[in-house]
Amino acid sequence: MPLFRGELGVAALHMLFSIITLGLWQIIVAFLYNRQYMTRMFMTGWVLADSEGNNEMAAQRLGVVLPKRGRK
């Protein structure tokens, strides 16, 4: 089950769209799914955990705002 990342409902919806569009949906969703998945992860409390520079670059590309961290 780890292939679906706990999103069986989304997988079923994608399968339905793939059947209706004769597979064309898979070409479209290849460009959209990862961004949608990351947005859902951020909404449930996930945070970026890389270097500060990489986090800022990823946040900019994903269109999210990182919380300000206090400096010691």
N, C-alpha and C. Protein backbone atom coordinates (compact mmCIF):
# COMPACT_ATOMS: atom_id res chain seq x y z
N MET A 1 0.78 -1.21 0.00
CA MET A 1 0.00 0.00 0.00
C MET A 1 0.83 1.29 0.00
N PRO A 2 2.12 1.29 0.31
CA PRO A 2 2.83 2.56 0.35
C PRO A 2 2.89 3.27 -1.00
N LEU A 3 2.58 2.57 -2.07
CA LEU A 3 2.59 3.20 -3.38
C LEU A 3 1.57 4.31 -3.49
N PHE A 4 0.46 4.21 -2.82
CA PHE A 4 -0.60 5.21 -2.92
C PHE A 4 -0.48 6.32 -1.90
N ARG A 5 0.50 6.25 -0.99
CA ARG A 5 0.75 7.28 0.02
C ARG A 5 -0.50 7.57 0.85
N GLY A 6 -1.32 6.57 1.07
CA GLY A 6 -2.52 6.77 1.88
C GLY A 6 -3.61 7.55 1.17
N GLU A 7 -3.58 7.60 -0.13
CA GLU A 7 -4.55 8.38 -0.89
C GLU A 7 -5.32 7.49 -1.86
N LEU A 8 -5.98 6.50 -1.33
CA LEU A 8 -6.73 5.57 -2.19
C LEU A 8 -7.88 6.26 -2.91
N GLY A 9 -8.51 7.23 -2.29
CA GLY A 9 -9.60 7.97 -2.94
C GLY A 9 -9.09 8.74 -4.16
N VAL A 10 -7.93 9.36 -4.01
CA VAL A 10 -7.33 10.10 -5.13
C VAL A 10 -6.94 9.12 -6.24
N ALA A 11 -6.40 7.98 -5.86
CA ALA A 11 -6.02 6.97 -6.85
C ALA A 11 -7.25 6.47 -7.63
N ALA A 12 -8.35 6.26 -6.92
CA ALA A 12 -9.57 5.81 -7.60
C ALA A 12 -10.09 6.88 -8.56
N LEU A 13 -10.03 8.13 -8.15
CA LEU A 13 -10.46 9.22 -9.01
C LEU A 13 -9.57 9.31 -10.26
N HIS A 14 -8.27 9.16 -10.07
CA HIS A 14 -7.34 9.19 -11.21
C HIS A 14 -7.61 8.03 -12.15
N MET A 15 -7.92 6.87 -11.61
CA MET A 15 -8.22 5.72 -12.47
C MET A 15 -9.49 5.99 -13.29
N LEU A 16 -10.50 6.56 -12.65
CA LEU A 16 -11.73 6.88 -13.35
C LEU A 16 -11.46 7.85 -14.50
N PHE A 17 -10.71 8.93 -14.22
CA PHE A 17 -10.39 9.90 -15.26
C PHE A 17 -9.55 9.27 -16.37
N SER A 18 -8.66 8.35 -16.01
CA SER A 18 -7.84 7.67 -17.02
C SER A 18 -8.69 6.82 -17.95
N ILE A 19 -9.67 6.15 -17.39
CA ILE A 19 -10.56 5.32 -18.21
C ILE A 19 -11.40 6.19 -19.14
N ILE A 20 -11.94 7.28 -18.60
CA ILE A 20 -12.80 8.17 -19.39
C ILE A 20 -12.02 8.83 -20.53
N THR A 21 -10.76 9.24 -20.25
CA THR A 21 -9.97 9.96 -21.25
C THR A 21 -9.04 9.05 -22.04
N LEU A 22 -9.19 7.73 -21.88
CA LEU A 22 -8.35 6.74 -22.58
C LEU A 22 -6.85 6.96 -22.33
N GLY A 23 -6.51 7.33 -21.10
CA GLY A 23 -5.12 7.47 -20.70
C GLY A 23 -4.54 8.87 -20.83
N LEU A 24 -5.22 9.77 -21.51
CA LEU A 24 -4.71 11.14 -21.67
C LEU A 24 -4.54 11.82 -20.31
N TRP A 25 -5.39 11.49 -19.37
CA TRP A 25 -5.32 12.08 -18.02
C TRP A 25 -3.95 11.83 -17.39
N GLN A 26 -3.32 10.71 -17.63
CA GLN A 26 -2.03 10.40 -17.02
C GLN A 26 -0.94 11.37 -17.48
N ILE A 27 -1.03 11.85 -18.70
CA ILE A 27 -0.06 12.83 -19.18
C ILE A 27 -0.26 14.15 -18.44
N ILE A 28 -1.48 14.54 -18.25
CA ILE A 28 -1.79 15.80 -17.56
C ILE A 28 -1.42 15.72 -16.09
N VAL A 29 -1.81 14.64 -15.43
CA VAL A 29 -1.61 14.52 -13.98
C VAL A 29 -0.12 14.37 -13.63
N ALA A 30 0.69 13.92 -14.56
CA ALA A 30 2.12 13.80 -14.30
C ALA A 30 2.73 15.15 -13.92
N PHE A 31 2.16 16.23 -14.42
CA PHE A 31 2.68 17.55 -14.13
C PHE A 31 2.01 18.20 -12.91
N LEU A 32 0.91 17.67 -12.46
CA LEU A 32 0.13 18.30 -11.39
C LEU A 32 0.19 17.59 -10.04
N TYR A 33 0.33 16.27 -10.03
CA TYR A 33 0.12 15.50 -8.80
C TYR A 33 1.08 15.85 -7.68
N ASN A 34 2.37 15.95 -7.94
CA ASN A 34 3.33 16.18 -6.86
C ASN A 34 3.08 17.50 -6.15
N ARG A 35 2.73 18.54 -6.89
CA ARG A 35 2.44 19.82 -6.25
C ARG A 35 1.18 19.71 -5.38
N GLN A 36 0.15 19.04 -5.89
CA GLN A 36 -1.07 18.87 -5.11
C GLN A 36 -0.79 18.06 -3.84
N TYR A 37 0.01 17.02 -3.96
CA TYR A 37 0.35 16.18 -2.81
C TYR A 37 1.11 16.99 -1.76
N MET A 38 2.11 17.77 -2.19
CA MET A 38 2.89 18.56 -1.24
C MET A 38 2.01 19.61 -0.56
N THR A 39 1.09 20.21 -1.29
CA THR A 39 0.18 21.18 -0.69
C THR A 39 -0.66 20.52 0.39
N ARG A 40 -1.17 19.32 0.12
CA ARG A 40 -1.95 18.60 1.14
C ARG A 40 -1.09 18.26 2.36
N MET A 41 0.17 17.92 2.15
CA MET A 41 1.06 17.60 3.27
C MET A 41 1.28 18.84 4.15
N PHE A 42 1.53 19.99 3.52
CA PHE A 42 1.73 21.22 4.29
C PHE A 42 0.48 21.58 5.08
N MET A 43 -0.68 21.34 4.51
CA MET A 43 -1.93 21.67 5.19
C MET A 43 -2.17 20.78 6.40
N THR A 44 -1.55 19.59 6.43
CA THR A 44 -1.73 18.70 7.57
C THR A 44 -0.58 18.79 8.57
N GLY A 45 0.30 19.81 8.39
CA GLY A 45 1.33 20.04 9.40
C GLY A 45 2.74 19.64 9.03
N TRP A 46 2.98 19.13 7.85
CA TRP A 46 4.34 18.78 7.44
C TRP A 46 5.15 20.04 7.24
N VAL A 47 6.46 19.94 7.45
CA VAL A 47 7.37 21.07 7.25
C VAL A 47 8.56 20.62 6.43
N LEU A 48 9.21 21.55 5.77
CA LEU A 48 10.43 21.25 5.02
C LEU A 48 11.57 21.08 6.01
N ALA A 49 12.44 20.10 5.77
CA ALA A 49 13.51 19.81 6.73
C ALA A 49 14.86 19.67 6.06
N ASP A 50 15.23 20.64 5.22
CA ASP A 50 16.52 20.63 4.56
C ASP A 50 17.28 21.87 5.03
N SER A 51 18.33 22.24 4.33
CA SER A 51 19.05 23.46 4.71
C SER A 51 18.15 24.67 4.45
N GLU A 52 18.45 25.76 5.09
CA GLU A 52 17.60 26.95 4.98
C GLU A 52 17.48 27.42 3.52
N GLY A 53 18.58 27.40 2.79
CA GLY A 53 18.56 27.82 1.39
C GLY A 53 17.69 26.92 0.53
N ASN A 54 17.82 25.60 0.72
CA ASN A 54 17.00 24.66 -0.05
C ASN A 54 15.52 24.78 0.32
N ASN A 55 15.24 25.00 1.60
CA ASN A 55 13.85 25.17 2.04
C ASN A 55 13.23 26.41 1.39
N GLU A 56 13.99 27.51 1.34
CA GLU A 56 13.46 28.73 0.75
C GLU A 56 13.21 28.54 -0.75
N MET A 57 14.12 27.86 -1.45
CA MET A 57 13.94 27.62 -2.87
C MET A 57 12.72 26.73 -3.13
N ALA A 58 12.56 25.68 -2.33
CA ALA A 58 11.42 24.78 -2.49
C ALA A 58 10.12 25.50 -2.18
N ALA A 59 10.11 26.30 -1.13
CA ALA A 59 8.90 27.04 -0.77
C ALA A 59 8.51 28.01 -1.87
N GLN A 60 9.50 28.67 -2.46
CA GLN A 60 9.22 29.60 -3.55
C GLN A 60 8.62 28.87 -4.75
N ARG A 61 9.19 27.73 -5.12
CA ARG A 61 8.68 26.98 -6.26
C ARG A 61 7.31 26.38 -6.01
N LEU A 62 7.04 26.02 -4.75
CA LEU A 62 5.74 25.45 -4.41
C LEU A 62 4.69 26.52 -4.13
N GLY A 63 5.15 27.75 -3.94
CA GLY A 63 4.21 28.84 -3.66
C GLY A 63 3.69 28.83 -2.24
N VAL A 64 4.54 28.41 -1.29
CA VAL A 64 4.15 28.41 0.12
C VAL A 64 5.01 29.39 0.88
N VAL A 65 4.54 29.82 2.04
CA VAL A 65 5.27 30.75 2.88
C VAL A 65 5.80 29.97 4.07
N LEU A 66 7.10 30.04 4.29
CA LEU A 66 7.71 29.36 5.42
C LEU A 66 7.53 30.20 6.69
N PRO A 67 7.29 29.53 7.82
CA PRO A 67 7.21 30.28 9.09
C PRO A 67 8.58 30.83 9.44
N LYS A 68 8.61 32.00 10.03
CA LYS A 68 9.87 32.63 10.45
C LYS A 68 10.39 31.90 11.67
N ARG A 69 11.68 31.61 11.66
CA ARG A 69 12.32 30.93 12.80
C ARG A 69 13.15 31.96 13.57
N GLY A 70 13.09 31.86 14.87
CA GLY A 70 13.91 32.74 15.71
C GLY A 70 15.37 32.33 15.66
N ARG A 71 16.26 33.28 15.65
CA ARG A 71 17.71 33.00 15.60
C ARG A 71 18.27 33.06 17.02
N LYS A 72 19.22 32.17 17.29
CA LYS A 72 19.85 32.14 18.62
C LYS A 72 21.16 32.87 18.58
